[in-house]
Amino acid sequence: VQLQASGGGTVQAGGSLRLSCEASGSTYRVNTMGWYRQPPGKPRELVATISRTGARYLTDSVKGRFAVSRGNAKNTGYLQMNSLKPEDTAVYYCNADINIDGNNNLGLWGQGTLVTVSS
């Protein structure tokens, strides 16, 4: 079972990026998916989560600019980032709670993807 994140890059302030996170392998059910970020020299922080049923959470600093969603197959999550600001610059990580066989859950992290917003 693995989690693969993609979609980072460099964008000017005010621009947009869409991050994707796909769970693959023995995934009986993917429960809550989350996005975290770690700005340079700062600790990792929670950005957004989305449950399997679609309940969403966005941290205050990104409300109105970011949107979190999932694909129809529920094993892919997305973070749409609009109106990006230089302070959004960070390595972004996806996280998922995955039930692998109907009984056992795994908490997985994807590899980070770098988002750089230039002013």
Protein backbone atom coordinates (compact mmCIF):
# COMPACT_ATOMS: atom_id res chain seq x y z
CA VAL A 1 0.00 0.00 0.00
CA GLN A 2 1.36 3.39 -0.88
CA LEU A 3 0.33 7.00 -1.17
CA GLN A 4 1.58 9.03 -4.09
CA ALA A 5 1.37 12.82 -4.10
CA SER A 6 1.88 15.00 -7.16
CA GLY A 7 1.16 18.44 -8.57
CA GLY A 8 3.58 20.75 -6.82
CA GLY A 9 5.56 23.41 -8.62
CA THR A 10 6.41 27.07 -8.79
CA VAL A 11 3.76 29.67 -9.38
CA GLN A 12 3.44 33.43 -9.05
CA ALA A 13 1.36 34.97 -6.30
CA GLY A 14 -2.30 34.84 -7.25
CA GLY A 15 -1.86 31.69 -9.28
CA SER A 16 -3.30 28.22 -8.82
CA LEU A 17 -2.07 24.67 -8.40
CA ARG A 18 -3.87 21.38 -7.91
CA LEU A 19 -2.30 18.67 -5.80
CA SER A 20 -3.29 15.03 -6.17
CA CYS A 21 -2.85 12.13 -3.80
CA GLU A 22 -3.56 8.54 -4.86
CA ALA A 23 -3.69 5.46 -2.66
CA SER A 24 -2.72 2.26 -4.42
CA GLY A 25 -2.15 -1.35 -3.57
CA SER A 26 -4.18 -3.31 -1.02
CA THR A 27 -6.71 -0.63 -0.15
CA TYR A 28 -9.94 -2.19 1.08
CA ARG A 29 -11.23 1.26 2.05
CA VAL A 30 -9.63 4.69 2.19
CA ASN A 31 -11.09 6.65 5.08
CA THR A 32 -10.12 10.23 5.89
CA MET A 33 -7.53 11.88 3.67
CA GLY A 34 -5.60 14.93 4.75
CA TRP A 35 -3.18 17.53 3.50
CA TYR A 36 -0.39 18.97 5.64
CA ARG A 37 2.34 21.43 4.82
CA GLN A 38 5.72 22.31 6.22
CA PRO A 39 7.00 25.81 5.42
CA PRO A 40 10.78 26.33 5.46
CA GLY A 41 12.07 26.31 9.02
CA LYS A 42 8.64 25.69 10.53
CA PRO A 43 6.80 22.65 11.85
CA ARG A 44 4.33 20.66 9.79
CA GLU A 45 0.76 21.94 10.00
CA LEU A 46 -2.65 20.62 9.02
CA VAL A 47 -4.19 22.28 5.98
CA ALA A 48 -7.28 20.28 5.10
CA THR A 49 -9.05 16.98 5.58
CA ILE A 50 -11.89 15.18 3.85
CA SER A 51 -13.69 12.13 5.17
CA ARG A 52 -14.93 9.26 3.05
CA THR A 53 -18.44 10.72 3.30
CA GLY A 54 -17.26 14.15 2.19
CA ALA A 55 -17.03 16.05 5.47
CA ARG A 56 -14.41 18.73 4.98
CA TYR A 57 -12.10 20.77 7.14
CA LEU A 58 -9.93 23.69 6.04
CA THR A 59 -7.60 25.62 8.29
CA ASP A 60 -8.55 29.29 8.61
CA SER A 61 -5.61 30.64 6.62
CA VAL A 62 -6.73 28.85 3.44
CA LYS A 63 -10.51 29.15 3.67
CA GLY A 64 -11.94 30.81 0.59
CA ARG A 65 -8.81 29.99 -1.43
CA PHE A 66 -8.28 26.22 -1.15
CA ALA A 67 -10.73 23.40 -1.74
CA VAL A 68 -10.37 19.74 -0.82
CA SER A 69 -12.13 16.94 -2.71
CA ARG A 70 -11.99 13.26 -3.57
CA GLY A 71 -12.39 11.28 -6.74
CA ASN A 72 -15.38 9.04 -7.33
CA ALA A 73 -13.34 5.94 -6.55
CA LYS A 74 -12.52 7.46 -3.12
CA ASN A 75 -8.87 6.44 -3.32
CA THR A 76 -7.72 9.78 -4.73
CA GLY A 77 -7.76 13.13 -3.02
CA TYR A 78 -7.22 16.61 -4.39
CA LEU A 79 -6.24 19.97 -3.00
CA GLN A 80 -7.15 22.84 -5.31
CA MET A 81 -5.15 25.89 -4.33
CA ASN A 82 -6.21 29.26 -5.72
CA SER A 83 -5.08 32.82 -5.02
CA LEU A 84 -1.78 31.48 -3.77
CA LYS A 85 0.35 33.66 -1.54
CA PRO A 86 4.09 33.55 -0.84
CA GLU A 87 3.27 32.32 2.67
CA ASP A 88 1.75 29.20 1.13
CA THR A 89 5.24 28.14 0.11
CA ALA A 90 5.89 24.78 1.73
CA VAL A 91 6.38 21.09 1.18
CA TYR A 92 2.88 19.63 1.04
CA TYR A 93 2.19 16.11 2.28
CA CYS A 94 -0.87 13.95 1.93
CA ASN A 95 -1.97 11.55 4.62
CA ALA A 96 -4.62 8.85 4.62
CA ASP A 97 -6.21 6.45 7.03
CA ILE A 98 -6.52 3.22 5.05
CA ASN A 99 -8.34 0.05 5.97
CA ILE A 100 -6.35 -2.63 4.20
CA ASP A 101 -8.43 -5.77 4.75
CA GLY A 102 -11.68 -4.92 6.50
CA ASN A 103 -10.11 -5.14 9.96
CA ASN A 104 -6.74 -3.38 10.04
CA ASN A 105 -6.05 0.31 9.49
CA LEU A 106 -2.86 1.97 8.38
CA GLY A 107 -1.95 5.62 8.62
CA LEU A 108 0.13 6.46 5.57
CA TRP A 109 2.05 9.50 4.42
CA GLY A 110 2.82 10.32 0.83
CA GLN A 111 6.12 11.82 -0.20
CA GLY A 112 6.13 15.58 -0.04
CA THR A 113 5.59 17.80 -3.02
CA LEU A 114 7.10 21.29 -3.04
CA VAL A 115 4.94 24.32 -3.69
CA THR A 116 6.79 27.59 -4.22
CA VAL A 117 4.88 30.85 -4.58
CA SER A 118 6.89 33.80 -5.81
CA SER A 119 5.90 37.40 -5.12
